[in-house]
Amino acid sequence: MDLTWVTPRIAVGGGIWTSNNMAKVAASGVTHIIDMQVEFDDTPLAESYGIEVFWNQVDDDFQPKPPEVFLPAIEFALSALENPENRLLIHCAAGVHRAPMMALALLRVQGWDLQEAMELMEHKRPVVDFADVYVSSVENFVRNYAGAGKR
């Protein structure tokens, strides 16, 4: 299973696709999933393991992403992470663009510096490719999120 722990409780990865892979995800301790792919909804595979899934269908089209792409997923993640026993997987099809984008947004709202968060993910998961347009979208979201007093 293509899964990289970027922090002890947040992983980034590629598509799960099969029951066998979902079993591996569950065995790794994942309790919550943000599924960033348009291609496949993990919910039916996750149900038997008690894993909660937030299906956030986002195209990997290298277009700016509005804050609405981030807010519900970030709220799901922050709520999940309130319980110190929970572990979160953020994934897309390949774990290169969309999942790292969302993980970057999560780390940023948790107080991480932009460069430090990017370097952490690039070190832990070398296939990560932070497209400038996605980083700008994350920063736009973080500004709006902090400005709304949600931080």
N, C-alpha and C. Protein backbone atom coordinates (compact mmCIF):
# COMPACT_ATOMS: atom_id res chain seq x y z
N MET A 1 0.85 -1.18 0.00
CA MET A 1 0.00 0.00 0.00
C MET A 1 0.88 1.23 0.00
N ASP A 2 0.57 2.19 -0.86
CA ASP A 2 1.33 3.42 -1.04
C ASP A 2 0.88 4.44 0.00
N LEU A 3 1.60 4.48 1.13
CA LEU A 3 1.21 5.33 2.25
C LEU A 3 2.49 5.78 2.96
N THR A 4 2.62 7.10 3.20
CA THR A 4 3.80 7.64 3.85
C THR A 4 3.36 8.48 5.04
N TRP A 5 3.87 8.15 6.22
CA TRP A 5 3.56 8.96 7.41
C TRP A 5 4.43 10.20 7.39
N VAL A 6 3.80 11.37 7.23
CA VAL A 6 4.55 12.62 7.24
C VAL A 6 4.65 13.18 8.66
N THR A 7 3.72 12.82 9.51
CA THR A 7 3.79 13.06 10.95
C THR A 7 3.33 11.75 11.59
N PRO A 8 3.45 11.60 12.88
CA PRO A 8 3.00 10.34 13.48
C PRO A 8 1.50 10.05 13.30
N ARG A 9 0.71 11.08 12.97
CA ARG A 9 -0.73 10.87 12.85
C ARG A 9 -1.31 11.26 11.50
N ILE A 10 -0.50 11.76 10.59
CA ILE A 10 -0.98 12.18 9.27
C ILE A 10 -0.15 11.49 8.19
N ALA A 11 -0.84 10.74 7.33
CA ALA A 11 -0.18 10.06 6.22
C ALA A 11 -0.68 10.62 4.90
N VAL A 12 0.16 10.50 3.89
CA VAL A 12 -0.18 10.89 2.52
C VAL A 12 0.06 9.68 1.64
N GLY A 13 -0.84 9.45 0.69
CA GLY A 13 -0.65 8.28 -0.16
C GLY A 13 -1.40 8.34 -1.47
N GLY A 14 -1.29 7.23 -2.18
CA GLY A 14 -1.98 7.06 -3.45
C GLY A 14 -3.25 6.27 -3.28
N GLY A 15 -3.87 5.92 -4.40
CA GLY A 15 -5.16 5.25 -4.39
C GLY A 15 -5.16 3.93 -3.64
N ILE A 16 -6.29 3.64 -3.01
CA ILE A 16 -6.44 2.41 -2.26
C ILE A 16 -7.02 1.32 -3.16
N TRP A 17 -8.09 1.60 -3.84
CA TRP A 17 -8.68 0.81 -4.91
C TRP A 17 -9.27 -0.55 -4.54
N THR A 18 -8.66 -1.32 -3.63
CA THR A 18 -9.12 -2.70 -3.40
C THR A 18 -9.34 -2.98 -1.91
N SER A 19 -10.11 -4.02 -1.63
CA SER A 19 -10.35 -4.45 -0.24
C SER A 19 -9.04 -4.86 0.43
N ASN A 20 -8.17 -5.53 -0.30
CA ASN A 20 -6.88 -5.94 0.25
C ASN A 20 -6.06 -4.73 0.69
N ASN A 21 -6.03 -3.70 -0.14
CA ASN A 21 -5.30 -2.48 0.22
C ASN A 21 -5.94 -1.76 1.40
N MET A 22 -7.29 -1.78 1.45
CA MET A 22 -7.96 -1.14 2.58
C MET A 22 -7.64 -1.88 3.88
N ALA A 23 -7.50 -3.19 3.80
CA ALA A 23 -7.12 -3.96 4.98
C ALA A 23 -5.74 -3.52 5.46
N LYS A 24 -4.83 -3.25 4.54
CA LYS A 24 -3.50 -2.77 4.91
C LYS A 24 -3.56 -1.37 5.53
N VAL A 25 -4.43 -0.52 4.99
CA VAL A 25 -4.62 0.82 5.55
C VAL A 25 -5.13 0.70 6.98
N ALA A 26 -6.13 -0.14 7.19
CA ALA A 26 -6.68 -0.34 8.53
C ALA A 26 -5.62 -0.90 9.48
N ALA A 27 -4.83 -1.84 9.00
CA ALA A 27 -3.78 -2.45 9.83
C ALA A 27 -2.71 -1.43 10.22
N SER A 28 -2.55 -0.38 9.44
CA SER A 28 -1.56 0.65 9.75
C SER A 28 -2.06 1.61 10.83
N GLY A 29 -3.32 1.46 11.22
CA GLY A 29 -3.88 2.29 12.28
C GLY A 29 -4.69 3.48 11.80
N VAL A 30 -4.90 3.60 10.50
CA VAL A 30 -5.70 4.71 9.97
C VAL A 30 -7.14 4.57 10.45
N THR A 31 -7.68 5.67 10.97
CA THR A 31 -9.07 5.70 11.42
C THR A 31 -9.94 6.60 10.56
N HIS A 32 -9.30 7.52 9.83
CA HIS A 32 -10.01 8.50 9.01
C HIS A 32 -9.26 8.69 7.69
N ILE A 33 -10.03 8.92 6.63
CA ILE A 33 -9.45 9.12 5.30
C ILE A 33 -10.07 10.35 4.66
N ILE A 34 -9.21 11.19 4.09
CA ILE A 34 -9.67 12.21 3.15
C ILE A 34 -9.26 11.71 1.78
N ASP A 35 -10.25 11.37 0.98
CA ASP A 35 -10.07 10.83 -0.36
C ASP A 35 -10.21 11.99 -1.34
N MET A 36 -9.09 12.42 -1.93
CA MET A 36 -9.07 13.59 -2.81
C MET A 36 -9.30 13.26 -4.28
N GLN A 37 -9.55 12.01 -4.59
CA GLN A 37 -9.64 11.63 -5.99
C GLN A 37 -11.08 11.68 -6.50
N VAL A 38 -11.22 12.08 -7.74
CA VAL A 38 -12.50 12.03 -8.43
C VAL A 38 -12.79 10.59 -8.84
N GLU A 39 -11.72 9.85 -9.06
CA GLU A 39 -11.80 8.55 -9.72
C GLU A 39 -12.49 7.45 -8.91
N PHE A 40 -12.46 7.54 -7.57
CA PHE A 40 -12.93 6.39 -6.78
C PHE A 40 -13.30 6.82 -5.37
N ASP A 41 -14.45 6.36 -4.91
CA ASP A 41 -14.92 6.63 -3.55
C ASP A 41 -14.55 5.44 -2.67
N ASP A 42 -13.75 5.69 -1.64
CA ASP A 42 -13.29 4.63 -0.73
C ASP A 42 -14.35 4.19 0.27
N THR A 43 -15.42 4.93 0.41
CA THR A 43 -16.38 4.70 1.49
C THR A 43 -16.83 3.25 1.60
N PRO A 44 -17.26 2.59 0.52
CA PRO A 44 -17.70 1.20 0.66
C PRO A 44 -16.60 0.26 1.16
N LEU A 45 -15.37 0.49 0.73
CA LEU A 45 -14.26 -0.36 1.17
C LEU A 45 -13.93 -0.14 2.64
N ALA A 46 -14.13 1.07 3.13
CA ALA A 46 -13.72 1.44 4.49
C ALA A 46 -14.75 1.04 5.55
N GLU A 47 -16.00 0.89 5.15
CA GLU A 47 -17.07 0.67 6.12
C GLU A 47 -16.82 -0.51 7.04
N SER A 48 -16.39 -1.63 6.50
CA SER A 48 -16.23 -2.82 7.33
C SER A 48 -15.08 -2.69 8.33
N TYR A 49 -14.22 -1.68 8.15
CA TYR A 49 -13.11 -1.45 9.08
C TYR A 49 -13.41 -0.31 10.06
N GLY A 50 -14.57 0.28 9.94
CA GLY A 50 -14.92 1.39 10.81
C GLY A 50 -14.13 2.65 10.53
N ILE A 51 -13.55 2.76 9.34
CA ILE A 51 -12.79 3.94 8.95
C ILE A 51 -13.76 4.96 8.36
N GLU A 52 -13.68 6.18 8.87
CA GLU A 52 -14.52 7.26 8.35
C GLU A 52 -13.85 7.89 7.14
N VAL A 53 -14.63 8.11 6.08
CA VAL A 53 -14.10 8.66 4.84
C VAL A 53 -14.79 9.98 4.51
N PHE A 54 -13.99 10.97 4.15
CA PHE A 54 -14.51 12.21 3.58
C PHE A 54 -14.07 12.21 2.13
N TRP A 55 -15.03 12.04 1.22
CA TRP A 55 -14.72 12.00 -0.21
C TRP A 55 -14.77 13.43 -0.74
N ASN A 56 -13.62 13.97 -1.04
CA ASN A 56 -13.46 15.35 -1.50
C ASN A 56 -12.99 15.30 -2.95
N GLN A 57 -13.93 15.18 -3.86
CA GLN A 57 -13.63 14.96 -5.28
C GLN A 57 -13.01 16.21 -5.91
N VAL A 58 -11.71 16.11 -6.21
CA VAL A 58 -10.97 17.23 -6.77
C VAL A 58 -10.21 16.76 -8.01
N ASP A 59 -10.37 17.51 -9.10
CA ASP A 59 -9.60 17.21 -10.31
C ASP A 59 -8.16 17.67 -10.15
N ASP A 60 -7.25 16.87 -10.66
CA ASP A 60 -5.84 17.26 -10.70
C ASP A 60 -5.60 17.97 -12.03
N ASP A 61 -6.16 19.18 -12.14
CA ASP A 61 -6.18 19.91 -13.40
C ASP A 61 -5.25 21.13 -13.42
N PHE A 62 -4.47 21.31 -12.36
CA PHE A 62 -3.53 22.42 -12.26
C PHE A 62 -4.21 23.78 -12.41
N GLN A 63 -5.45 23.84 -11.91
CA GLN A 63 -6.19 25.09 -11.86
C GLN A 63 -6.28 25.53 -10.40
N PRO A 64 -6.43 26.83 -10.16
CA PRO A 64 -6.57 27.30 -8.77
C PRO A 64 -7.76 26.62 -8.10
N LYS A 65 -7.58 26.28 -6.83
CA LYS A 65 -8.64 25.64 -6.05
C LYS A 65 -9.21 26.67 -5.08
N PRO A 66 -10.54 26.82 -5.08
CA PRO A 66 -11.15 27.79 -4.17
C PRO A 66 -11.13 27.28 -2.73
N PRO A 67 -11.26 28.19 -1.77
CA PRO A 67 -11.27 27.78 -0.36
C PRO A 67 -12.30 26.69 -0.04
N GLU A 68 -13.38 26.65 -0.78
CA GLU A 68 -14.42 25.65 -0.54
C GLU A 68 -13.93 24.22 -0.76
N VAL A 69 -12.86 24.05 -1.52
CA VAL A 69 -12.27 22.73 -1.71
C VAL A 69 -11.62 22.26 -0.41
N PHE A 70 -11.10 23.20 0.35
CA PHE A 70 -10.34 22.86 1.55
C PHE A 70 -11.17 22.81 2.83
N LEU A 71 -12.07 23.76 3.01
CA LEU A 71 -12.72 23.95 4.31
C LEU A 71 -13.39 22.70 4.87
N PRO A 72 -14.27 22.01 4.14
CA PRO A 72 -14.92 20.85 4.77
C PRO A 72 -13.94 19.72 5.09
N ALA A 73 -12.94 19.54 4.26
CA ALA A 73 -11.95 18.49 4.50
C ALA A 73 -11.09 18.83 5.71
N ILE A 74 -10.71 20.10 5.83
CA ILE A 74 -9.91 20.53 6.97
C ILE A 74 -10.72 20.39 8.26
N GLU A 75 -11.98 20.75 8.22
CA GLU A 75 -12.83 20.58 9.40
C GLU A 75 -12.94 19.11 9.79
N PHE A 76 -13.09 18.24 8.79
CA PHE A 76 -13.14 16.79 9.04
C PHE A 76 -11.84 16.34 9.70
N ALA A 77 -10.71 16.77 9.15
CA ALA A 77 -9.40 16.37 9.67
C ALA A 77 -9.18 16.86 11.10
N LEU A 78 -9.46 18.13 11.33
CA LEU A 78 -9.24 18.69 12.66
C LEU A 78 -10.14 18.02 13.70
N SER A 79 -11.36 17.73 13.31
CA SER A 79 -12.27 17.02 14.21
C SER A 79 -11.73 15.63 14.52
N ALA A 80 -11.29 14.93 13.49
CA ALA A 80 -10.74 13.58 13.69
C ALA A 80 -9.52 13.62 14.60
N LEU A 81 -8.66 14.59 14.40
CA LEU A 81 -7.40 14.66 15.14
C LEU A 81 -7.57 15.17 16.58
N GLU A 82 -8.78 15.60 16.93
CA GLU A 82 -9.03 15.97 18.33
C GLU A 82 -8.84 14.77 19.25
N ASN A 83 -9.14 13.58 18.72
CA ASN A 83 -8.93 12.35 19.49
C ASN A 83 -7.49 11.90 19.25
N PRO A 84 -6.65 11.86 20.28
CA PRO A 84 -5.24 11.52 20.08
C PRO A 84 -5.00 10.09 19.58
N GLU A 85 -6.02 9.26 19.60
CA GLU A 85 -5.89 7.89 19.10
C GLU A 85 -6.09 7.80 17.59
N ASN A 86 -6.69 8.82 17.01
CA ASN A 86 -7.02 8.77 15.58
C ASN A 86 -5.81 9.07 14.72
N ARG A 87 -5.82 8.43 13.54
CA ARG A 87 -4.77 8.64 12.54
C ARG A 87 -5.43 8.85 11.19
N LEU A 88 -4.92 9.81 10.44
CA LEU A 88 -5.55 10.28 9.22
C LEU A 88 -4.69 9.98 7.99
N LEU A 89 -5.32 9.45 6.96
CA LEU A 89 -4.69 9.28 5.65
C LEU A 89 -5.34 10.25 4.68
N ILE A 90 -4.52 11.04 4.02
CA ILE A 90 -4.99 11.91 2.94
C ILE A 90 -4.41 11.33 1.67
N HIS A 91 -5.28 10.97 0.72
CA HIS A 91 -4.75 10.36 -0.50
C HIS A 91 -5.51 10.82 -1.72
N CYS A 92 -4.86 10.63 -2.85
CA CYS A 92 -5.46 10.84 -4.16
C CYS A 92 -5.10 9.60 -4.99
N ALA A 93 -5.03 9.70 -6.28
CA ALA A 93 -4.72 8.53 -7.10
C ALA A 93 -3.26 8.12 -6.99
N ALA A 94 -2.35 9.10 -7.02
CA ALA A 94 -0.92 8.79 -6.99
C ALA A 94 -0.19 9.35 -5.77
N GLY A 95 -0.83 10.23 -5.03
CA GLY A 95 -0.17 10.81 -3.86
C GLY A 95 0.93 11.80 -4.22
N VAL A 96 0.76 12.47 -5.35
CA VAL A 96 1.79 13.39 -5.85
C VAL A 96 1.33 14.85 -5.78
N HIS A 97 0.08 15.13 -6.16
CA HIS A 97 -0.39 16.52 -6.23
C HIS A 97 -1.51 16.84 -5.23
N ARG A 98 -2.68 16.20 -5.43
CA ARG A 98 -3.86 16.59 -4.65
C ARG A 98 -3.74 16.27 -3.16
N ALA A 99 -3.30 15.06 -2.82
CA ALA A 99 -3.16 14.71 -1.40
C ALA A 99 -2.11 15.57 -0.71
N PRO A 100 -0.93 15.76 -1.30
CA PRO A 100 0.02 16.67 -0.66
C PRO A 100 -0.51 18.10 -0.52
N MET A 101 -1.30 18.54 -1.50
CA MET A 101 -1.91 19.88 -1.41
C MET A 101 -2.79 19.97 -0.16
N MET A 102 -3.64 18.96 0.05
CA MET A 102 -4.53 18.98 1.21
C MET A 102 -3.75 18.81 2.51
N ALA A 103 -2.74 17.95 2.49
CA ALA A 103 -1.92 17.78 3.69
C ALA A 103 -1.19 19.08 4.03
N LEU A 104 -0.74 19.80 3.00
CA LEU A 104 -0.10 21.09 3.22
C LEU A 104 -1.08 22.06 3.87
N ALA A 105 -2.31 22.09 3.40
CA ALA A 105 -3.33 22.97 3.99
C ALA A 105 -3.56 22.60 5.45
N LEU A 106 -3.62 21.32 5.75
CA LEU A 106 -3.83 20.88 7.12
C LEU A 106 -2.65 21.29 8.02
N LEU A 107 -1.45 21.04 7.56
CA LEU A 107 -0.29 21.43 8.36
C LEU A 107 -0.25 22.95 8.57
N ARG A 108 -0.61 23.70 7.54
CA ARG A 108 -0.60 25.16 7.66
C ARG A 108 -1.61 25.64 8.70
N VAL A 109 -2.82 25.09 8.72
CA VAL A 109 -3.79 25.54 9.72
C VAL A 109 -3.42 25.05 11.11
N GLN A 110 -2.58 24.03 11.18
CA GLN A 110 -2.07 23.57 12.48
C GLN A 110 -0.90 24.42 12.96
N GLY A 111 -0.50 25.40 12.15
CA GLY A 111 0.54 26.33 12.58
C GLY A 111 1.91 26.12 11.96
N TRP A 112 2.03 25.16 11.06
CA TRP A 112 3.33 24.93 10.40
C TRP A 112 3.65 26.09 9.47
N ASP A 113 4.92 26.44 9.38
CA ASP A 113 5.44 27.37 8.39
C ASP A 113 5.34 26.70 7.01
N LEU A 114 5.04 27.48 5.99
CA LEU A 114 4.87 26.94 4.64
C LEU A 114 6.09 26.14 4.19
N GLN A 115 7.28 26.74 4.25
CA GLN A 115 8.48 26.06 3.76
C GLN A 115 8.80 24.81 4.57
N GLU A 116 8.64 24.89 5.89
CA GLU A 116 8.92 23.73 6.73
C GLU A 116 7.96 22.59 6.43
N ALA A 117 6.69 22.91 6.21
CA ALA A 117 5.71 21.87 5.89
C ALA A 117 6.02 21.22 4.54
N MET A 118 6.37 22.04 3.56
CA MET A 118 6.71 21.50 2.24
C MET A 118 7.96 20.63 2.31
N GLU A 119 8.97 21.12 3.01
CA GLU A 119 10.22 20.35 3.12
C GLU A 119 10.00 19.04 3.87
N LEU A 120 9.17 19.05 4.90
CA LEU A 120 8.86 17.82 5.62
C LEU A 120 8.27 16.78 4.67
N MET A 121 7.26 17.19 3.91
CA MET A 121 6.61 16.23 3.01
C MET A 121 7.54 15.79 1.89
N GLU A 122 8.32 16.70 1.34
CA GLU A 122 9.26 16.33 0.28
C GLU A 122 10.32 15.37 0.80
N HIS A 123 10.74 15.55 2.05
CA HIS A 123 11.73 14.65 2.66
C HIS A 123 11.13 13.27 2.90
N LYS A 124 9.95 13.24 3.47
CA LYS A 124 9.31 11.95 3.81
C LYS A 124 8.79 11.23 2.58
N ARG A 125 8.28 12.00 1.61
CA ARG A 125 7.66 11.42 0.42
C ARG A 125 8.22 12.12 -0.82
N PRO A 126 9.37 11.68 -1.31
CA PRO A 126 10.06 12.38 -2.40
C PRO A 126 9.25 12.54 -3.70
N VAL A 127 8.21 11.75 -3.92
CA VAL A 127 7.42 11.88 -5.15
C VAL A 127 6.50 13.09 -5.13
N VAL A 128 6.36 13.74 -3.97
CA VAL A 128 5.49 14.92 -3.87
C VAL A 128 5.95 15.99 -4.85
N ASP A 129 4.98 16.58 -5.54
CA ASP A 129 5.27 17.67 -6.48
C ASP A 129 4.30 18.81 -6.16
N PHE A 130 4.81 19.85 -5.53
CA PHE A 130 3.97 20.99 -5.16
C PHE A 130 3.86 21.94 -6.34
N ALA A 131 2.78 21.83 -7.09
CA ALA A 131 2.53 22.76 -8.20
C ALA A 131 2.29 24.15 -7.61
N ASP A 132 2.90 25.15 -8.22
CA ASP A 132 2.77 26.52 -7.72
C ASP A 132 1.31 26.93 -7.54
N VAL A 133 0.46 26.55 -8.49
CA VAL A 133 -0.95 26.94 -8.41
C VAL A 133 -1.63 26.30 -7.20
N TYR A 134 -1.22 25.10 -6.83
CA TYR A 134 -1.81 24.44 -5.66
C TYR A 134 -1.29 25.06 -4.36
N VAL A 135 -0.02 25.41 -4.33
CA VAL A 135 0.53 26.08 -3.14
C VAL A 135 -0.15 27.43 -2.96
N SER A 136 -0.34 28.17 -4.05
CA SER A 136 -1.04 29.46 -3.97
C SER A 136 -2.47 29.26 -3.48
N SER A 137 -3.12 28.19 -3.92
CA SER A 137 -4.48 27.90 -3.49
C SER A 137 -4.51 27.61 -1.99
N VAL A 138 -3.54 26.86 -1.51
CA VAL A 138 -3.44 26.57 -0.07
C VAL A 138 -3.26 27.87 0.70
N GLU A 139 -2.34 28.71 0.27
CA GLU A 139 -2.07 29.95 0.98
C GLU A 139 -3.28 30.88 0.97
N ASN A 140 -4.02 30.91 -0.13
CA ASN A 140 -5.24 31.69 -0.19
C ASN A 140 -6.25 31.16 0.82
N PHE A 141 -6.39 29.85 0.90
CA PHE A 141 -7.29 29.23 1.88
C PHE A 141 -6.86 29.59 3.30
N VAL A 142 -5.58 29.45 3.60
CA VAL A 142 -5.08 29.70 4.95
C VAL A 142 -5.34 31.15 5.35
N ARG A 143 -5.13 32.09 4.43
CA ARG A 143 -5.42 33.51 4.73
C ARG A 143 -6.89 33.69 5.06
N ASN A 144 -7.77 33.10 4.25
CA ASN A 144 -9.21 33.22 4.48
C ASN A 144 -9.62 32.52 5.77
N TYR A 145 -9.02 31.37 6.03
CA TYR A 145 -9.34 30.58 7.22
C TYR A 145 -8.95 31.34 8.48
N ALA A 146 -7.74 31.87 8.49
CA ALA A 146 -7.27 32.64 9.64
C ALA A 146 -8.08 33.93 9.78
N GLY A 147 -8.43 34.54 8.65
CA GLY A 147 -9.20 35.78 8.67
C GLY A 147 -10.61 35.59 9.19
N ALA A 148 -11.12 34.38 9.08
CA ALA A 148 -12.47 34.09 9.56
C ALA A 148 -12.47 33.75 11.04
N GLY A 149 -11.28 33.77 11.66
CA GLY A 149 -11.18 33.48 13.08
C GLY A 149 -11.33 32.02 13.41
N LYS A 150 -11.11 31.13 12.45
CA LYS A 150 -11.29 29.70 12.67
C LYS A 150 -10.02 29.05 13.17
N ARG A 151 -8.95 29.76 13.26
CA ARG A 151 -7.66 29.18 13.60
C ARG A 151 -7.46 29.04 15.06
